[in-house]
Amino acid sequence: MLRESSDLGSPAPAQLLIAFTDLTYFTRTAQSMPDADLARFCQEYYAATLAAVEPAGGSVIKFMGDAALIVFPSERAEAGVLALVELKRSVDVWMKRQQHTCRLIVRAHLAEAQ
């Protein structure tokens, strides 16, 4: 997503929608699960995140436990916001269905990054 500067070989600034997601009460929820169930839970959560983000033109930069760092190029910002809203809705429904108190928090900002 970052473009190379032609004269310096260093990344040129790029406008990005940068998002960070996090589950509330995840630590408490994780402590109540056997390891295999926790691994399955995380895999399903990661898959849901990727399924929402990638078709909208975004990339998950990395997962950190229950959190994710996500970017969309500025020209995909509107699609990115819509995808993040839908991700929150779907994850919250999934958590409620599993009787977990976790809910997804999404923070996003359109900014120049280098």
N, C-alpha and C. Protein backbone atom coordinates (compact mmCIF):
# COMPACT_ATOMS: atom_id res chain seq x y z
N MET A 1 0.80 -1.18 0.00
CA MET A 1 0.00 0.00 0.00
C MET A 1 0.85 1.26 0.00
N LEU A 2 2.01 1.20 0.63
CA LEU A 2 2.89 2.37 0.61
C LEU A 2 3.69 2.33 -0.68
N ARG A 3 3.84 3.50 -1.28
CA ARG A 3 4.55 3.59 -2.55
C ARG A 3 6.01 4.01 -2.30
N GLU A 4 6.89 3.51 -3.14
CA GLU A 4 8.30 3.88 -3.04
C GLU A 4 8.53 5.26 -3.62
N SER A 5 9.29 6.07 -2.94
CA SER A 5 9.70 7.38 -3.46
C SER A 5 10.75 7.14 -4.53
N SER A 6 10.61 7.77 -5.69
CA SER A 6 11.50 7.47 -6.80
C SER A 6 12.93 7.94 -6.56
N ASP A 7 13.13 9.01 -5.79
CA ASP A 7 14.49 9.52 -5.64
C ASP A 7 15.22 8.98 -4.41
N LEU A 8 14.54 8.58 -3.38
CA LEU A 8 15.22 8.13 -2.16
C LEU A 8 15.10 6.63 -1.90
N GLY A 9 14.20 5.98 -2.56
CA GLY A 9 13.99 4.57 -2.31
C GLY A 9 13.28 4.31 -0.99
N SER A 10 12.79 5.35 -0.33
CA SER A 10 12.06 5.17 0.92
C SER A 10 10.57 5.31 0.67
N PRO A 11 9.76 4.80 1.59
CA PRO A 11 8.31 4.88 1.38
C PRO A 11 7.82 6.33 1.26
N ALA A 12 7.00 6.57 0.27
CA ALA A 12 6.36 7.88 0.09
C ALA A 12 5.08 7.90 0.91
N PRO A 13 4.68 9.04 1.42
CA PRO A 13 3.44 9.11 2.18
C PRO A 13 2.24 8.62 1.37
N ALA A 14 1.31 7.99 2.04
CA ALA A 14 0.09 7.50 1.39
C ALA A 14 -1.09 7.76 2.33
N GLN A 15 -2.21 8.13 1.75
CA GLN A 15 -3.43 8.30 2.53
C GLN A 15 -4.05 6.92 2.75
N LEU A 16 -4.32 6.59 4.00
CA LEU A 16 -4.88 5.29 4.34
C LEU A 16 -5.99 5.44 5.36
N LEU A 17 -6.97 4.55 5.28
CA LEU A 17 -7.90 4.37 6.38
C LEU A 17 -7.26 3.33 7.27
N ILE A 18 -6.90 3.73 8.47
CA ILE A 18 -6.22 2.85 9.42
C ILE A 18 -7.21 2.49 10.51
N ALA A 19 -7.39 1.20 10.75
CA ALA A 19 -8.37 0.75 11.74
C ALA A 19 -7.72 -0.21 12.73
N PHE A 20 -8.22 -0.14 13.94
CA PHE A 20 -7.79 -1.04 15.00
C PHE A 20 -9.04 -1.64 15.61
N THR A 21 -9.10 -2.96 15.70
CA THR A 21 -10.24 -3.63 16.33
C THR A 21 -9.78 -4.36 17.58
N ASP A 22 -10.70 -4.50 18.52
CA ASP A 22 -10.38 -5.13 19.79
C ASP A 22 -11.67 -5.67 20.41
N LEU A 23 -11.59 -6.81 21.06
CA LEU A 23 -12.75 -7.38 21.74
C LEU A 23 -12.75 -6.97 23.21
N THR A 24 -13.89 -6.49 23.69
CA THR A 24 -14.02 -6.19 25.11
C THR A 24 -14.07 -7.51 25.89
N TYR A 25 -13.59 -7.51 27.10
CA TYR A 25 -13.65 -8.67 28.01
C TYR A 25 -12.99 -9.94 27.45
N PHE A 26 -12.09 -9.78 26.49
CA PHE A 26 -11.49 -10.96 25.88
C PHE A 26 -10.65 -11.75 26.88
N THR A 27 -9.87 -11.07 27.69
CA THR A 27 -9.00 -11.79 28.64
C THR A 27 -9.82 -12.67 29.56
N ARG A 28 -10.89 -12.11 30.09
CA ARG A 28 -11.76 -12.88 30.99
C ARG A 28 -12.38 -14.07 30.25
N THR A 29 -12.82 -13.84 29.02
CA THR A 29 -13.41 -14.91 28.22
C THR A 29 -12.38 -15.98 27.92
N ALA A 30 -11.18 -15.57 27.53
CA ALA A 30 -10.13 -16.53 27.17
C ALA A 30 -9.71 -17.38 28.36
N GLN A 31 -9.68 -16.79 29.55
CA GLN A 31 -9.28 -17.54 30.74
C GLN A 31 -10.27 -18.63 31.10
N SER A 32 -11.51 -18.50 30.63
CA SER A 32 -12.53 -19.49 30.96
C SER A 32 -12.60 -20.63 29.95
N MET A 33 -11.75 -20.59 28.90
CA MET A 33 -11.79 -21.60 27.83
C MET A 33 -10.62 -22.55 27.90
N PRO A 34 -10.85 -23.81 27.57
CA PRO A 34 -9.71 -24.71 27.36
C PRO A 34 -8.89 -24.22 26.15
N ASP A 35 -7.62 -24.53 26.13
CA ASP A 35 -6.72 -24.03 25.08
C ASP A 35 -7.22 -24.34 23.67
N ALA A 36 -7.69 -25.56 23.44
CA ALA A 36 -8.16 -25.93 22.09
C ALA A 36 -9.37 -25.08 21.69
N ASP A 37 -10.27 -24.82 22.62
CA ASP A 37 -11.43 -23.98 22.32
C ASP A 37 -11.01 -22.55 22.04
N LEU A 38 -10.04 -22.06 22.79
CA LEU A 38 -9.55 -20.69 22.57
C LEU A 38 -8.89 -20.57 21.19
N ALA A 39 -8.11 -21.57 20.81
CA ALA A 39 -7.47 -21.55 19.49
C ALA A 39 -8.53 -21.55 18.39
N ARG A 40 -9.55 -22.37 18.53
CA ARG A 40 -10.63 -22.42 17.54
C ARG A 40 -11.39 -21.09 17.50
N PHE A 41 -11.66 -20.51 18.66
CA PHE A 41 -12.32 -19.22 18.77
C PHE A 41 -11.53 -18.15 18.01
N CYS A 42 -10.22 -18.08 18.25
CA CYS A 42 -9.38 -17.09 17.57
C CYS A 42 -9.35 -17.32 16.07
N GLN A 43 -9.24 -18.56 15.64
CA GLN A 43 -9.22 -18.86 14.21
C GLN A 43 -10.52 -18.40 13.54
N GLU A 44 -11.65 -18.63 14.19
CA GLU A 44 -12.93 -18.21 13.63
C GLU A 44 -13.04 -16.69 13.59
N TYR A 45 -12.58 -16.04 14.64
CA TYR A 45 -12.60 -14.57 14.69
C TYR A 45 -11.70 -13.99 13.60
N TYR A 46 -10.49 -14.54 13.44
CA TYR A 46 -9.57 -14.07 12.40
C TYR A 46 -10.18 -14.27 11.01
N ALA A 47 -10.78 -15.43 10.79
CA ALA A 47 -11.39 -15.72 9.49
C ALA A 47 -12.53 -14.73 9.19
N ALA A 48 -13.34 -14.42 10.18
CA ALA A 48 -14.44 -13.46 10.00
C ALA A 48 -13.89 -12.08 9.67
N THR A 49 -12.81 -11.70 10.33
CA THR A 49 -12.20 -10.39 10.08
C THR A 49 -11.66 -10.32 8.65
N LEU A 50 -10.92 -11.33 8.25
CA LEU A 50 -10.38 -11.37 6.89
C LEU A 50 -11.49 -11.38 5.85
N ALA A 51 -12.56 -12.12 6.10
CA ALA A 51 -13.67 -12.22 5.16
C ALA A 51 -14.39 -10.89 4.98
N ALA A 52 -14.37 -10.04 6.00
CA ALA A 52 -15.00 -8.73 5.90
C ALA A 52 -14.06 -7.71 5.25
N VAL A 53 -12.79 -7.77 5.58
CA VAL A 53 -11.83 -6.73 5.18
C VAL A 53 -11.34 -6.90 3.73
N GLU A 54 -10.93 -8.08 3.36
CA GLU A 54 -10.29 -8.27 2.06
C GLU A 54 -11.19 -7.98 0.86
N PRO A 55 -12.46 -8.42 0.85
CA PRO A 55 -13.31 -8.09 -0.30
C PRO A 55 -13.56 -6.59 -0.46
N ALA A 56 -13.42 -5.83 0.63
CA ALA A 56 -13.62 -4.38 0.58
C ALA A 56 -12.34 -3.65 0.17
N GLY A 57 -11.28 -4.39 -0.13
CA GLY A 57 -10.04 -3.79 -0.59
C GLY A 57 -9.04 -3.48 0.50
N GLY A 58 -9.28 -3.99 1.71
CA GLY A 58 -8.37 -3.75 2.82
C GLY A 58 -7.42 -4.90 3.06
N SER A 59 -6.50 -4.66 3.98
CA SER A 59 -5.53 -5.68 4.38
C SER A 59 -5.43 -5.71 5.89
N VAL A 60 -5.42 -6.92 6.44
CA VAL A 60 -5.11 -7.06 7.85
C VAL A 60 -3.59 -7.10 7.94
N ILE A 61 -3.02 -6.09 8.60
CA ILE A 61 -1.57 -6.03 8.74
C ILE A 61 -1.10 -7.09 9.73
N LYS A 62 -1.83 -7.18 10.86
CA LYS A 62 -1.52 -8.25 11.80
C LYS A 62 -2.61 -8.38 12.84
N PHE A 63 -2.68 -9.58 13.39
CA PHE A 63 -3.52 -9.86 14.55
C PHE A 63 -2.63 -9.90 15.77
N MET A 64 -3.12 -9.38 16.86
CA MET A 64 -2.39 -9.41 18.13
C MET A 64 -3.38 -9.91 19.17
N GLY A 65 -3.45 -11.23 19.36
CA GLY A 65 -4.46 -11.79 20.24
C GLY A 65 -5.84 -11.52 19.67
N ASP A 66 -6.64 -10.74 20.40
CA ASP A 66 -8.00 -10.42 19.95
C ASP A 66 -8.06 -9.13 19.15
N ALA A 67 -6.95 -8.48 18.93
CA ALA A 67 -6.91 -7.19 18.23
C ALA A 67 -6.40 -7.39 16.80
N ALA A 68 -6.77 -6.42 15.95
CA ALA A 68 -6.28 -6.45 14.57
C ALA A 68 -5.95 -5.03 14.13
N LEU A 69 -4.88 -4.92 13.36
CA LEU A 69 -4.50 -3.67 12.70
C LEU A 69 -4.84 -3.85 11.23
N ILE A 70 -5.68 -2.94 10.72
CA ILE A 70 -6.25 -3.06 9.38
C ILE A 70 -6.04 -1.77 8.62
N VAL A 71 -5.73 -1.86 7.33
CA VAL A 71 -5.61 -0.66 6.49
C VAL A 71 -6.38 -0.84 5.20
N PHE A 72 -6.89 0.29 4.71
CA PHE A 72 -7.54 0.39 3.41
C PHE A 72 -6.91 1.57 2.68
N PRO A 73 -6.66 1.46 1.38
CA PRO A 73 -6.20 2.64 0.64
C PRO A 73 -7.31 3.69 0.67
N SER A 74 -6.94 4.96 0.58
CA SER A 74 -7.94 6.04 0.71
C SER A 74 -9.07 5.91 -0.30
N GLU A 75 -8.77 5.43 -1.50
CA GLU A 75 -9.83 5.29 -2.50
C GLU A 75 -10.84 4.19 -2.14
N ARG A 76 -10.52 3.38 -1.16
CA ARG A 76 -11.43 2.32 -0.68
C ARG A 76 -11.96 2.64 0.73
N ALA A 77 -11.79 3.89 1.18
CA ALA A 77 -12.18 4.27 2.54
C ALA A 77 -13.66 4.05 2.81
N GLU A 78 -14.52 4.45 1.89
CA GLU A 78 -15.96 4.27 2.12
C GLU A 78 -16.31 2.80 2.23
N ALA A 79 -15.79 1.99 1.32
CA ALA A 79 -16.02 0.54 1.38
C ALA A 79 -15.44 -0.03 2.66
N GLY A 80 -14.30 0.51 3.09
CA GLY A 80 -13.67 0.06 4.32
C GLY A 80 -14.52 0.34 5.54
N VAL A 81 -15.07 1.55 5.62
CA VAL A 81 -15.94 1.90 6.75
C VAL A 81 -17.16 0.99 6.77
N LEU A 82 -17.77 0.78 5.62
CA LEU A 82 -18.94 -0.11 5.56
C LEU A 82 -18.59 -1.53 5.98
N ALA A 83 -17.42 -2.00 5.56
CA ALA A 83 -16.97 -3.35 5.93
C ALA A 83 -16.73 -3.44 7.43
N LEU A 84 -16.15 -2.41 8.02
CA LEU A 84 -15.88 -2.41 9.46
C LEU A 84 -17.17 -2.36 10.27
N VAL A 85 -18.14 -1.59 9.80
CA VAL A 85 -19.45 -1.55 10.48
C VAL A 85 -20.10 -2.93 10.43
N GLU A 86 -20.06 -3.57 9.28
CA GLU A 86 -20.64 -4.91 9.15
C GLU A 86 -19.87 -5.92 9.99
N LEU A 87 -18.54 -5.79 10.03
CA LEU A 87 -17.74 -6.69 10.87
C LEU A 87 -18.16 -6.57 12.32
N LYS A 88 -18.31 -5.36 12.82
CA LYS A 88 -18.74 -5.16 14.20
C LYS A 88 -20.10 -5.82 14.44
N ARG A 89 -21.03 -5.57 13.54
CA ARG A 89 -22.36 -6.15 13.71
C ARG A 89 -22.29 -7.68 13.74
N SER A 90 -21.57 -8.26 12.80
CA SER A 90 -21.54 -9.73 12.70
C SER A 90 -20.78 -10.36 13.87
N VAL A 91 -19.69 -9.75 14.30
CA VAL A 91 -18.94 -10.30 15.44
C VAL A 91 -19.76 -10.17 16.72
N ASP A 92 -20.45 -9.05 16.91
CA ASP A 92 -21.28 -8.89 18.11
C ASP A 92 -22.40 -9.94 18.15
N VAL A 93 -23.02 -10.20 17.01
CA VAL A 93 -24.06 -11.23 16.94
C VAL A 93 -23.46 -12.60 17.25
N TRP A 94 -22.30 -12.89 16.68
CA TRP A 94 -21.62 -14.17 16.91
C TRP A 94 -21.29 -14.35 18.39
N MET A 95 -20.78 -13.29 19.02
CA MET A 95 -20.45 -13.37 20.45
C MET A 95 -21.70 -13.61 21.30
N LYS A 96 -22.75 -12.89 20.99
CA LYS A 96 -23.99 -13.04 21.75
C LYS A 96 -24.55 -14.45 21.59
N ARG A 97 -24.50 -14.97 20.37
CA ARG A 97 -24.98 -16.33 20.10
C ARG A 97 -24.20 -17.37 20.91
N GLN A 98 -22.91 -17.11 21.12
CA GLN A 98 -22.08 -18.03 21.91
C GLN A 98 -22.15 -17.73 23.42
N GLN A 99 -22.95 -16.75 23.78
CA GLN A 99 -23.14 -16.33 25.17
C GLN A 99 -21.85 -15.79 25.79
N HIS A 100 -21.05 -15.09 24.97
CA HIS A 100 -19.87 -14.39 25.47
C HIS A 100 -20.24 -12.94 25.69
N THR A 101 -19.62 -12.31 26.67
CA THR A 101 -19.89 -10.89 26.92
C THR A 101 -19.04 -9.99 26.02
N CYS A 102 -18.14 -10.55 25.24
CA CYS A 102 -17.29 -9.77 24.34
C CYS A 102 -18.13 -9.04 23.29
N ARG A 103 -17.68 -7.84 22.96
CA ARG A 103 -18.22 -7.07 21.85
C ARG A 103 -17.04 -6.43 21.13
N LEU A 104 -17.19 -6.20 19.84
CA LEU A 104 -16.08 -5.68 19.04
C LEU A 104 -16.07 -4.16 19.09
N ILE A 105 -14.91 -3.61 19.38
CA ILE A 105 -14.69 -2.17 19.31
C ILE A 105 -13.86 -1.91 18.06
N VAL A 106 -14.27 -0.93 17.27
CA VAL A 106 -13.56 -0.57 16.04
C VAL A 106 -13.24 0.92 16.11
N ARG A 107 -11.99 1.23 15.89
CA ARG A 107 -11.56 2.62 15.79
C ARG A 107 -10.88 2.78 14.42
N ALA A 108 -11.26 3.84 13.71
CA ALA A 108 -10.69 4.06 12.38
C ALA A 108 -10.40 5.53 12.17
N HIS A 109 -9.37 5.79 11.37
CA HIS A 109 -8.96 7.16 11.10
C HIS A 109 -8.35 7.22 9.71
N LEU A 110 -8.74 8.23 8.94
CA LEU A 110 -8.14 8.45 7.62
C LEU A 110 -6.96 9.38 7.82
N ALA A 111 -5.76 8.91 7.47
CA ALA A 111 -4.56 9.68 7.75
C ALA A 111 -3.48 9.39 6.71
N GLU A 112 -2.49 10.26 6.70
CA GLU A 112 -1.32 10.04 5.88
C GLU A 112 -0.34 9.19 6.68
N ALA A 113 0.16 8.16 6.05
CA ALA A 113 1.12 7.28 6.70
C ALA A 113 2.36 7.16 5.82
N GLN A 114 3.48 6.90 6.44
CA GLN A 114 4.71 6.72 5.69
C GLN A 114 5.37 5.44 6.09
